Amino acid sequence: MKNLVIYYSRSGENYVNGAIKNINKGNTEYVAEFIKKNFDADLFKVETVKEYAKSYMDCIREAQSELDNNERPELKSYLDDISGYDNIIIAGPCWWGTYPMAIFSAIEKLDFTGKKVLPIMTHEGSGMGHCEKDLKNTIKGAEFVRGLAIHGADASSSEKQVVDYLKKNI
């Protein structure tokens, strides 16, 4: 079984347990690294050409505008083919109830036929939001597994939670 993690993660200013704090590594990056370590997964980090604002408050305003306008930010690189993978884990922070629009830029042109899709979302209280519904509306031909929500402030210590979820589902 070959596993791929497509993820977006933000370091710097983030919302953590009710306050804006500076973090050296994005919450979702911890999760992606746990998957790579325990399941020999390949990682594809989604990176936008135009970086989001350094200020958390400005960043979430940009994210809301992208969502409201159904934008697809340009990425530094794209995946062309996922045919060699059985399981695709899509991981990102919950921004306005779903993944950052950059995740959709990365996945919407890929052929997911016959793939198992496992959504993982880091959040500060909103859980999975509506990201599972949004993935199902974007990706056709895949088998979807119920997602895993990880409290962002606890992401760096979530390895057991991530491993248990994936052992059960892949």
N, C-alpha and C. Protein backbone atom coordinates (compact mmCIF):
# COMPACT_ATOMS: atom_id res chain seq x y z
N MET A 1 0.83 -1.19 0.00
CA MET A 1 0.00 0.00 0.00
C MET A 1 0.88 1.25 0.00
N LYS A 2 0.67 2.11 -0.95
CA LYS A 2 1.41 3.37 -1.03
C LYS A 2 0.51 4.50 -0.53
N ASN A 3 1.11 5.36 0.31
CA ASN A 3 0.37 6.44 0.94
C ASN A 3 0.96 7.79 0.55
N LEU A 4 0.08 8.76 0.32
CA LEU A 4 0.48 10.11 -0.01
C LEU A 4 -0.27 11.08 0.91
N VAL A 5 0.46 12.04 1.45
CA VAL A 5 -0.15 13.10 2.25
C VAL A 5 -0.04 14.40 1.45
N ILE A 6 -1.18 14.97 1.12
CA ILE A 6 -1.24 16.29 0.51
C ILE A 6 -1.65 17.23 1.64
N TYR A 7 -0.78 18.20 1.97
CA TYR A 7 -1.10 19.02 3.14
C TYR A 7 -0.68 20.47 2.97
N TYR A 8 -1.39 21.31 3.68
CA TYR A 8 -1.03 22.72 3.82
C TYR A 8 -0.84 22.98 5.31
N SER A 9 0.18 23.75 5.66
CA SER A 9 0.44 24.07 7.06
C SER A 9 0.98 25.49 7.15
N ARG A 10 0.61 26.17 8.22
CA ARG A 10 1.05 27.56 8.41
C ARG A 10 1.81 27.69 9.72
N SER A 11 3.03 28.21 9.64
CA SER A 11 3.79 28.55 10.84
C SER A 11 3.68 30.06 11.03
N GLY A 12 4.36 30.59 12.04
CA GLY A 12 4.28 32.02 12.32
C GLY A 12 3.07 32.30 13.20
N GLU A 13 2.42 33.44 12.96
CA GLU A 13 1.26 33.80 13.77
C GLU A 13 0.10 32.84 13.52
N ASN A 14 -0.40 32.26 14.60
CA ASN A 14 -1.53 31.34 14.55
C ASN A 14 -2.41 31.56 15.76
N TYR A 15 -3.63 31.09 15.66
CA TYR A 15 -4.58 31.14 16.77
C TYR A 15 -4.39 29.87 17.59
N VAL A 16 -4.04 30.02 18.86
CA VAL A 16 -3.73 28.88 19.72
C VAL A 16 -4.44 29.07 21.06
N ASN A 17 -5.36 28.17 21.35
CA ASN A 17 -6.07 28.21 22.65
C ASN A 17 -6.57 29.59 23.02
N GLY A 18 -7.18 30.27 22.06
CA GLY A 18 -7.82 31.55 22.35
C GLY A 18 -6.94 32.78 22.21
N ALA A 19 -5.69 32.62 21.82
CA ALA A 19 -4.79 33.76 21.66
C ALA A 19 -3.95 33.61 20.39
N ILE A 20 -3.50 34.70 19.87
CA ILE A 20 -2.60 34.65 18.70
C ILE A 20 -1.18 34.50 19.22
N LYS A 21 -0.52 33.44 18.74
CA LYS A 21 0.85 33.14 19.17
C LYS A 21 1.70 32.83 17.95
N ASN A 22 2.99 32.96 18.12
CA ASN A 22 3.95 32.61 17.08
C ASN A 22 4.34 31.15 17.26
N ILE A 23 4.23 30.36 16.21
CA ILE A 23 4.66 28.97 16.29
C ILE A 23 5.71 28.71 15.22
N ASN A 24 6.70 27.91 15.56
CA ASN A 24 7.82 27.65 14.65
C ASN A 24 7.47 26.67 13.54
N LYS A 25 6.53 25.78 13.83
CA LYS A 25 6.12 24.77 12.85
C LYS A 25 4.60 24.73 12.84
N GLY A 26 4.03 24.68 11.65
CA GLY A 26 2.58 24.61 11.53
C GLY A 26 2.03 23.32 12.11
N ASN A 27 0.83 23.40 12.65
CA ASN A 27 0.19 22.24 13.29
C ASN A 27 0.04 21.06 12.34
N THR A 28 -0.39 21.33 11.12
CA THR A 28 -0.61 20.24 10.17
C THR A 28 0.70 19.60 9.75
N GLU A 29 1.79 20.34 9.79
CA GLU A 29 3.09 19.76 9.43
C GLU A 29 3.49 18.67 10.41
N TYR A 30 3.18 18.86 11.70
CA TYR A 30 3.43 17.79 12.68
C TYR A 30 2.69 16.52 12.27
N VAL A 31 1.43 16.68 11.93
CA VAL A 31 0.60 15.53 11.55
C VAL A 31 1.18 14.83 10.33
N ALA A 32 1.55 15.61 9.30
CA ALA A 32 2.12 15.03 8.08
C ALA A 32 3.40 14.25 8.39
N GLU A 33 4.24 14.80 9.26
CA GLU A 33 5.48 14.12 9.61
C GLU A 33 5.21 12.83 10.39
N PHE A 34 4.20 12.81 11.24
CA PHE A 34 3.84 11.58 11.96
C PHE A 34 3.41 10.49 10.97
N ILE A 35 2.67 10.89 9.95
CA ILE A 35 2.20 9.92 8.94
C ILE A 35 3.38 9.39 8.15
N LYS A 36 4.27 10.28 7.73
CA LYS A 36 5.46 9.84 6.98
C LYS A 36 6.27 8.85 7.80
N LYS A 37 6.50 9.17 9.06
CA LYS A 37 7.32 8.33 9.93
C LYS A 37 6.71 6.95 10.17
N ASN A 38 5.42 6.89 10.39
CA ASN A 38 4.78 5.64 10.79
C ASN A 38 4.18 4.83 9.64
N PHE A 39 3.97 5.46 8.49
CA PHE A 39 3.31 4.76 7.39
C PHE A 39 4.06 4.89 6.07
N ASP A 40 5.34 5.28 6.14
CA ASP A 40 6.18 5.38 4.95
C ASP A 40 5.47 6.15 3.83
N ALA A 41 4.86 7.25 4.20
CA ALA A 41 4.11 8.04 3.23
C ALA A 41 5.00 9.07 2.55
N ASP A 42 4.64 9.39 1.32
CA ASP A 42 5.25 10.51 0.62
C ASP A 42 4.48 11.76 1.02
N LEU A 43 5.18 12.89 1.10
CA LEU A 43 4.54 14.15 1.46
C LEU A 43 4.55 15.10 0.27
N PHE A 44 3.43 15.78 0.08
CA PHE A 44 3.36 16.88 -0.88
C PHE A 44 2.86 18.09 -0.12
N LYS A 45 3.77 19.04 0.10
CA LYS A 45 3.41 20.27 0.82
C LYS A 45 2.87 21.29 -0.16
N VAL A 46 1.66 21.74 0.07
CA VAL A 46 1.02 22.74 -0.77
C VAL A 46 1.58 24.11 -0.38
N GLU A 47 2.17 24.79 -1.36
CA GLU A 47 2.75 26.11 -1.13
C GLU A 47 2.25 27.07 -2.20
N THR A 48 1.75 28.22 -1.77
CA THR A 48 1.22 29.20 -2.71
C THR A 48 2.33 30.10 -3.25
N VAL A 49 2.14 30.55 -4.48
CA VAL A 49 3.09 31.49 -5.08
C VAL A 49 3.04 32.80 -4.30
N LYS A 50 1.85 33.33 -4.11
CA LYS A 50 1.68 34.55 -3.31
C LYS A 50 1.44 34.09 -1.87
N GLU A 51 2.39 34.38 -1.02
CA GLU A 51 2.27 33.93 0.37
C GLU A 51 1.15 34.67 1.08
N TYR A 52 0.53 33.96 2.02
CA TYR A 52 -0.49 34.61 2.84
C TYR A 52 0.20 35.61 3.76
N ALA A 53 -0.58 36.58 4.24
CA ALA A 53 -0.05 37.62 5.13
C ALA A 53 0.59 37.00 6.36
N LYS A 54 1.63 37.64 6.86
CA LYS A 54 2.29 37.16 8.08
C LYS A 54 1.38 37.34 9.29
N SER A 55 0.61 38.41 9.32
CA SER A 55 -0.34 38.67 10.39
C SER A 55 -1.48 37.65 10.32
N TYR A 56 -1.77 37.00 11.43
CA TYR A 56 -2.85 36.01 11.46
C TYR A 56 -4.18 36.64 11.05
N MET A 57 -4.49 37.80 11.59
CA MET A 57 -5.78 38.44 11.30
C MET A 57 -5.89 38.79 9.81
N ASP A 58 -4.81 39.29 9.21
CA ASP A 58 -4.82 39.57 7.77
C ASP A 58 -4.94 38.28 6.97
N CYS A 59 -4.27 37.24 7.42
CA CYS A 59 -4.32 35.95 6.73
C CYS A 59 -5.74 35.40 6.70
N ILE A 60 -6.43 35.46 7.82
CA ILE A 60 -7.79 34.88 7.82
C ILE A 60 -8.75 35.73 6.98
N ARG A 61 -8.48 37.03 6.87
CA ARG A 61 -9.30 37.87 5.98
C ARG A 61 -9.04 37.46 4.52
N GLU A 62 -7.77 37.22 4.18
CA GLU A 62 -7.44 36.74 2.82
C GLU A 62 -8.11 35.39 2.55
N ALA A 63 -8.05 34.51 3.54
CA ALA A 63 -8.65 33.18 3.39
C ALA A 63 -10.16 33.27 3.19
N GLN A 64 -10.81 34.17 3.93
CA GLN A 64 -12.25 34.32 3.78
C GLN A 64 -12.60 34.86 2.40
N SER A 65 -11.82 35.81 1.91
CA SER A 65 -12.05 36.35 0.58
C SER A 65 -11.88 35.27 -0.50
N GLU A 66 -10.83 34.45 -0.37
CA GLU A 66 -10.63 33.35 -1.32
C GLU A 66 -11.81 32.39 -1.31
N LEU A 67 -12.29 32.07 -0.11
CA LEU A 67 -13.43 31.15 0.01
C LEU A 67 -14.69 31.78 -0.59
N ASP A 68 -14.97 33.03 -0.23
CA ASP A 68 -16.17 33.71 -0.73
C ASP A 68 -16.19 33.78 -2.24
N ASN A 69 -15.01 33.92 -2.85
CA ASN A 69 -14.89 34.05 -4.30
C ASN A 69 -14.54 32.74 -5.00
N ASN A 70 -14.50 31.64 -4.21
CA ASN A 70 -14.17 30.32 -4.75
C ASN A 70 -12.87 30.35 -5.57
N GLU A 71 -11.88 31.06 -5.04
CA GLU A 71 -10.60 31.22 -5.75
C GLU A 71 -9.75 29.96 -5.64
N ARG A 72 -8.81 29.83 -6.58
CA ARG A 72 -7.82 28.77 -6.54
C ARG A 72 -6.45 29.43 -6.63
N PRO A 73 -5.81 29.69 -5.48
CA PRO A 73 -4.50 30.34 -5.51
C PRO A 73 -3.49 29.52 -6.32
N GLU A 74 -2.63 30.21 -7.02
CA GLU A 74 -1.58 29.54 -7.80
C GLU A 74 -0.57 28.93 -6.83
N LEU A 75 -0.14 27.72 -7.15
CA LEU A 75 0.82 27.01 -6.31
C LEU A 75 2.21 27.02 -6.92
N LYS A 76 3.21 26.85 -6.06
CA LYS A 76 4.60 26.77 -6.53
C LYS A 76 4.84 25.51 -7.34
N SER A 77 4.13 24.43 -6.99
CA SER A 77 4.22 23.19 -7.77
C SER A 77 2.91 22.42 -7.61
N TYR A 78 2.68 21.53 -8.56
CA TYR A 78 1.45 20.75 -8.58
C TYR A 78 1.80 19.27 -8.75
N LEU A 79 0.96 18.42 -8.24
CA LEU A 79 1.06 16.99 -8.53
C LEU A 79 0.41 16.76 -9.88
N ASP A 80 1.03 15.93 -10.71
CA ASP A 80 0.45 15.61 -12.01
C ASP A 80 -0.28 14.28 -11.99
N ASP A 81 0.19 13.37 -11.12
CA ASP A 81 -0.30 12.00 -11.19
C ASP A 81 -0.23 11.38 -9.80
N ILE A 82 -1.33 10.78 -9.37
CA ILE A 82 -1.36 10.08 -8.09
C ILE A 82 -1.68 8.60 -8.29
N SER A 83 -1.51 8.12 -9.51
CA SER A 83 -1.90 6.74 -9.83
C SER A 83 -1.11 5.70 -9.04
N GLY A 84 0.08 6.04 -8.57
CA GLY A 84 0.89 5.09 -7.82
C GLY A 84 0.53 4.97 -6.36
N TYR A 85 -0.49 5.66 -5.93
CA TYR A 85 -0.88 5.66 -4.51
C TYR A 85 -2.23 5.00 -4.30
N ASP A 86 -2.36 4.31 -3.17
CA ASP A 86 -3.63 3.68 -2.79
C ASP A 86 -4.44 4.59 -1.89
N ASN A 87 -3.75 5.21 -0.93
CA ASN A 87 -4.39 6.06 0.07
C ASN A 87 -3.87 7.48 -0.04
N ILE A 88 -4.80 8.43 -0.07
CA ILE A 88 -4.44 9.84 -0.15
C ILE A 88 -4.99 10.51 1.11
N ILE A 89 -4.09 11.00 1.93
CA ILE A 89 -4.47 11.73 3.14
C ILE A 89 -4.41 13.21 2.79
N ILE A 90 -5.52 13.91 2.99
CA ILE A 90 -5.57 15.34 2.71
C ILE A 90 -5.68 16.04 4.05
N ALA A 91 -4.66 16.84 4.37
CA ALA A 91 -4.56 17.43 5.70
C ALA A 91 -4.35 18.94 5.61
N GLY A 92 -5.02 19.65 6.50
CA GLY A 92 -4.87 21.09 6.52
C GLY A 92 -5.59 21.70 7.71
N PRO A 93 -5.37 22.99 7.90
CA PRO A 93 -6.07 23.69 8.97
C PRO A 93 -7.50 24.02 8.56
N CYS A 94 -8.36 24.19 9.53
CA CYS A 94 -9.74 24.60 9.27
C CYS A 94 -9.77 26.12 9.16
N TRP A 95 -10.00 26.59 7.95
CA TRP A 95 -10.13 28.03 7.71
C TRP A 95 -11.54 28.27 7.22
N TRP A 96 -12.35 28.91 8.04
CA TRP A 96 -13.73 29.23 7.69
C TRP A 96 -14.53 27.97 7.37
N GLY A 97 -14.28 26.90 8.13
CA GLY A 97 -15.08 25.69 8.00
C GLY A 97 -14.60 24.68 6.98
N THR A 98 -13.51 24.96 6.30
CA THR A 98 -13.01 24.03 5.29
C THR A 98 -11.49 24.18 5.18
N TYR A 99 -10.92 23.46 4.23
CA TYR A 99 -9.49 23.59 3.97
C TYR A 99 -9.19 24.94 3.33
N PRO A 100 -7.94 25.40 3.44
CA PRO A 100 -7.53 26.58 2.66
C PRO A 100 -7.78 26.29 1.17
N MET A 101 -8.14 27.31 0.43
CA MET A 101 -8.46 27.12 -0.99
C MET A 101 -7.26 26.56 -1.76
N ALA A 102 -6.05 26.76 -1.25
CA ALA A 102 -4.85 26.22 -1.90
C ALA A 102 -4.90 24.68 -1.96
N ILE A 103 -5.53 24.05 -0.99
CA ILE A 103 -5.70 22.58 -1.03
C ILE A 103 -6.51 22.20 -2.27
N PHE A 104 -7.58 22.96 -2.53
CA PHE A 104 -8.41 22.65 -3.70
C PHE A 104 -7.65 22.92 -5.00
N SER A 105 -6.77 23.93 -5.00
CA SER A 105 -5.90 24.15 -6.16
C SER A 105 -5.06 22.91 -6.44
N ALA A 106 -4.61 22.26 -5.37
CA ALA A 106 -3.73 21.10 -5.50
C ALA A 106 -4.45 19.84 -5.94
N ILE A 107 -5.72 19.69 -5.58
CA ILE A 107 -6.38 18.39 -5.79
C ILE A 107 -7.40 18.35 -6.92
N GLU A 108 -7.94 19.49 -7.33
CA GLU A 108 -9.12 19.44 -8.19
C GLU A 108 -8.89 18.87 -9.58
N LYS A 109 -7.67 18.83 -10.07
CA LYS A 109 -7.42 18.30 -11.42
C LYS A 109 -6.86 16.88 -11.40
N LEU A 110 -6.74 16.30 -10.20
CA LEU A 110 -6.19 14.95 -10.09
C LEU A 110 -7.28 13.89 -10.24
N ASP A 111 -6.88 12.73 -10.73
CA ASP A 111 -7.81 11.60 -10.89
C ASP A 111 -7.75 10.72 -9.64
N PHE A 112 -8.80 10.76 -8.83
CA PHE A 112 -8.88 10.01 -7.58
C PHE A 112 -9.63 8.69 -7.74
N THR A 113 -9.91 8.28 -8.96
CA THR A 113 -10.66 7.05 -9.19
C THR A 113 -9.98 5.87 -8.50
N GLY A 114 -10.74 5.17 -7.66
CA GLY A 114 -10.23 3.99 -6.98
C GLY A 114 -9.34 4.26 -5.78
N LYS A 115 -9.16 5.52 -5.42
CA LYS A 115 -8.31 5.88 -4.28
C LYS A 115 -9.15 5.94 -3.01
N LYS A 116 -8.49 5.70 -1.88
CA LYS A 116 -9.13 5.92 -0.59
C LYS A 116 -8.65 7.28 -0.10
N VAL A 117 -9.59 8.16 0.25
CA VAL A 117 -9.28 9.51 0.70
C VAL A 117 -9.57 9.62 2.19
N LEU A 118 -8.57 10.09 2.93
CA LEU A 118 -8.69 10.24 4.38
C LEU A 118 -8.46 11.70 4.75
N PRO A 119 -9.51 12.42 5.13
CA PRO A 119 -9.36 13.82 5.50
C PRO A 119 -8.88 13.98 6.94
N ILE A 120 -7.93 14.88 7.13
CA ILE A 120 -7.48 15.24 8.48
C ILE A 120 -7.45 16.76 8.55
N MET A 121 -8.02 17.28 9.63
CA MET A 121 -8.08 18.73 9.80
C MET A 121 -7.58 19.11 11.18
N THR A 122 -6.69 20.11 11.21
CA THR A 122 -6.29 20.70 12.49
C THR A 122 -7.18 21.93 12.70
N HIS A 123 -7.54 22.16 13.94
CA HIS A 123 -8.53 23.21 14.22
C HIS A 123 -8.34 23.74 15.64
N GLU A 124 -8.99 24.83 15.93
CA GLU A 124 -8.98 25.39 17.28
C GLU A 124 -10.38 25.42 17.87
N GLY A 125 -11.21 24.48 17.45
CA GLY A 125 -12.55 24.39 18.04
C GLY A 125 -13.64 24.04 17.05
N SER A 126 -13.36 24.09 15.77
CA SER A 126 -14.41 23.86 14.77
C SER A 126 -14.46 22.43 14.25
N GLY A 127 -13.59 21.57 14.71
CA GLY A 127 -13.61 20.19 14.25
C GLY A 127 -13.36 20.08 12.75
N MET A 128 -14.11 19.22 12.10
CA MET A 128 -13.94 18.98 10.66
C MET A 128 -14.62 20.05 9.81
N GLY A 129 -15.43 20.91 10.45
CA GLY A 129 -16.16 21.88 9.65
C GLY A 129 -16.96 21.16 8.57
N HIS A 130 -16.97 21.68 7.37
CA HIS A 130 -17.66 21.02 6.25
C HIS A 130 -16.66 20.54 5.19
N CYS A 131 -15.40 20.29 5.63
CA CYS A 131 -14.36 19.91 4.66
C CYS A 131 -14.67 18.57 4.00
N GLU A 132 -15.29 17.63 4.72
CA GLU A 132 -15.58 16.33 4.11
C GLU A 132 -16.57 16.49 2.95
N LYS A 133 -17.61 17.28 3.15
CA LYS A 133 -18.58 17.54 2.09
C LYS A 133 -17.90 18.25 0.91
N ASP A 134 -17.03 19.21 1.24
CA ASP A 134 -16.34 19.94 0.18
C ASP A 134 -15.42 19.03 -0.63
N LEU A 135 -14.74 18.10 0.04
CA LEU A 135 -13.90 17.13 -0.69
C LEU A 135 -14.75 16.26 -1.60
N LYS A 136 -15.86 15.78 -1.09
CA LYS A 136 -16.74 14.91 -1.90
C LYS A 136 -17.29 15.65 -3.11
N ASN A 137 -17.49 16.95 -2.98
CA ASN A 137 -17.97 17.74 -4.11
C ASN A 137 -16.86 18.02 -5.13
N THR A 138 -15.60 17.91 -4.71
CA THR A 138 -14.46 18.22 -5.57
C THR A 138 -13.86 16.96 -6.19
N ILE A 139 -13.82 15.89 -5.43
CA ILE A 139 -13.16 14.65 -5.85
C ILE A 139 -14.21 13.62 -6.25
N LYS A 140 -14.04 13.06 -7.42
CA LYS A 140 -14.98 12.03 -7.91
C LYS A 140 -14.26 10.69 -8.01
N GLY A 141 -15.01 9.61 -7.76
CA GLY A 141 -14.49 8.27 -7.96
C GLY A 141 -13.68 7.70 -6.82
N ALA A 142 -13.62 8.40 -5.70
CA ALA A 142 -12.83 7.94 -4.56
C ALA A 142 -13.73 7.34 -3.49
N GLU A 143 -13.12 6.53 -2.65
CA GLU A 143 -13.78 6.03 -1.44
C GLU A 143 -13.35 6.98 -0.31
N PHE A 144 -14.32 7.49 0.42
CA PHE A 144 -14.01 8.42 1.49
C PHE A 144 -14.14 7.75 2.85
N VAL A 145 -13.18 8.02 3.71
CA VAL A 145 -13.19 7.55 5.08
C VAL A 145 -13.55 8.75 5.96
N ARG A 146 -14.29 8.50 7.01
CA ARG A 146 -14.62 9.57 7.94
C ARG A 146 -13.33 10.22 8.45
N GLY A 147 -13.33 11.54 8.51
CA GLY A 147 -12.12 12.28 8.80
C GLY A 147 -11.72 12.30 10.27
N LEU A 148 -10.55 12.83 10.50
CA LEU A 148 -9.99 12.98 11.84
C LEU A 148 -9.74 14.46 12.10
N ALA A 149 -10.31 14.95 13.20
CA ALA A 149 -10.09 16.34 13.62
C ALA A 149 -9.09 16.34 14.78
N ILE A 150 -8.07 17.17 14.67
CA ILE A 150 -7.03 17.26 15.70
C ILE A 150 -6.96 18.70 16.19
N HIS A 151 -7.10 18.88 17.50
CA HIS A 151 -6.98 20.22 18.06
C HIS A 151 -5.58 20.75 17.76
N GLY A 152 -5.52 21.89 17.09
CA GLY A 152 -4.24 22.42 16.62
C GLY A 152 -3.19 22.59 17.70
N ALA A 153 -3.61 23.12 18.85
CA ALA A 153 -2.65 23.35 19.93
C ALA A 153 -2.06 22.03 20.44
N ASP A 154 -2.72 20.91 20.15
CA ASP A 154 -2.24 19.59 20.58
C ASP A 154 -1.60 18.79 19.45
N ALA A 155 -1.46 19.39 18.28
CA ALA A 155 -0.95 18.66 17.11
C ALA A 155 0.43 18.06 17.33
N SER A 156 1.30 18.78 18.03
CA SER A 156 2.67 18.29 18.22
C SER A 156 2.72 17.03 19.08
N SER A 157 1.66 16.75 19.82
CA SER A 157 1.61 15.55 20.66
C SER A 157 0.49 14.60 20.22
N SER A 158 0.09 14.68 18.95
CA SER A 158 -1.04 13.89 18.45
C SER A 158 -0.62 12.61 17.73
N GLU A 159 0.64 12.21 17.82
CA GLU A 159 1.12 11.07 17.04
C GLU A 159 0.28 9.82 17.27
N LYS A 160 -0.02 9.47 18.51
CA LYS A 160 -0.79 8.25 18.79
C LYS A 160 -2.18 8.34 18.17
N GLN A 161 -2.81 9.50 18.29
CA GLN A 161 -4.14 9.70 17.72
C GLN A 161 -4.11 9.51 16.19
N VAL A 162 -3.10 10.07 15.54
CA VAL A 162 -2.96 9.96 14.09
C VAL A 162 -2.70 8.51 13.69
N VAL A 163 -1.78 7.86 14.38
CA VAL A 163 -1.43 6.47 14.07
C VAL A 163 -2.64 5.55 14.28
N ASP A 164 -3.36 5.72 15.37
CA ASP A 164 -4.55 4.88 15.64
C ASP A 164 -5.60 5.07 14.54
N TYR A 165 -5.83 6.30 14.13
CA TYR A 165 -6.80 6.59 13.07
C TYR A 165 -6.40 5.90 11.76
N LEU A 166 -5.15 6.03 11.39
CA LEU A 166 -4.71 5.45 10.11
C LEU A 166 -4.65 3.93 10.18
N LYS A 167 -4.22 3.35 11.30
CA LYS A 167 -4.21 1.88 11.42
C LYS A 167 -5.62 1.32 11.21
N LYS A 168 -6.60 2.04 11.69
CA LYS A 168 -7.99 1.61 11.58
C LYS A 168 -8.54 1.76 10.17
N ASN A 169 -7.99 2.71 9.42
CA ASN A 169 -8.63 3.09 8.15
C ASN A 169 -7.84 2.80 6.87
N ILE A 170 -6.57 2.41 6.99
CA ILE A 170 -5.86 2.09 5.73
C ILE A 170 -5.39 0.64 5.74
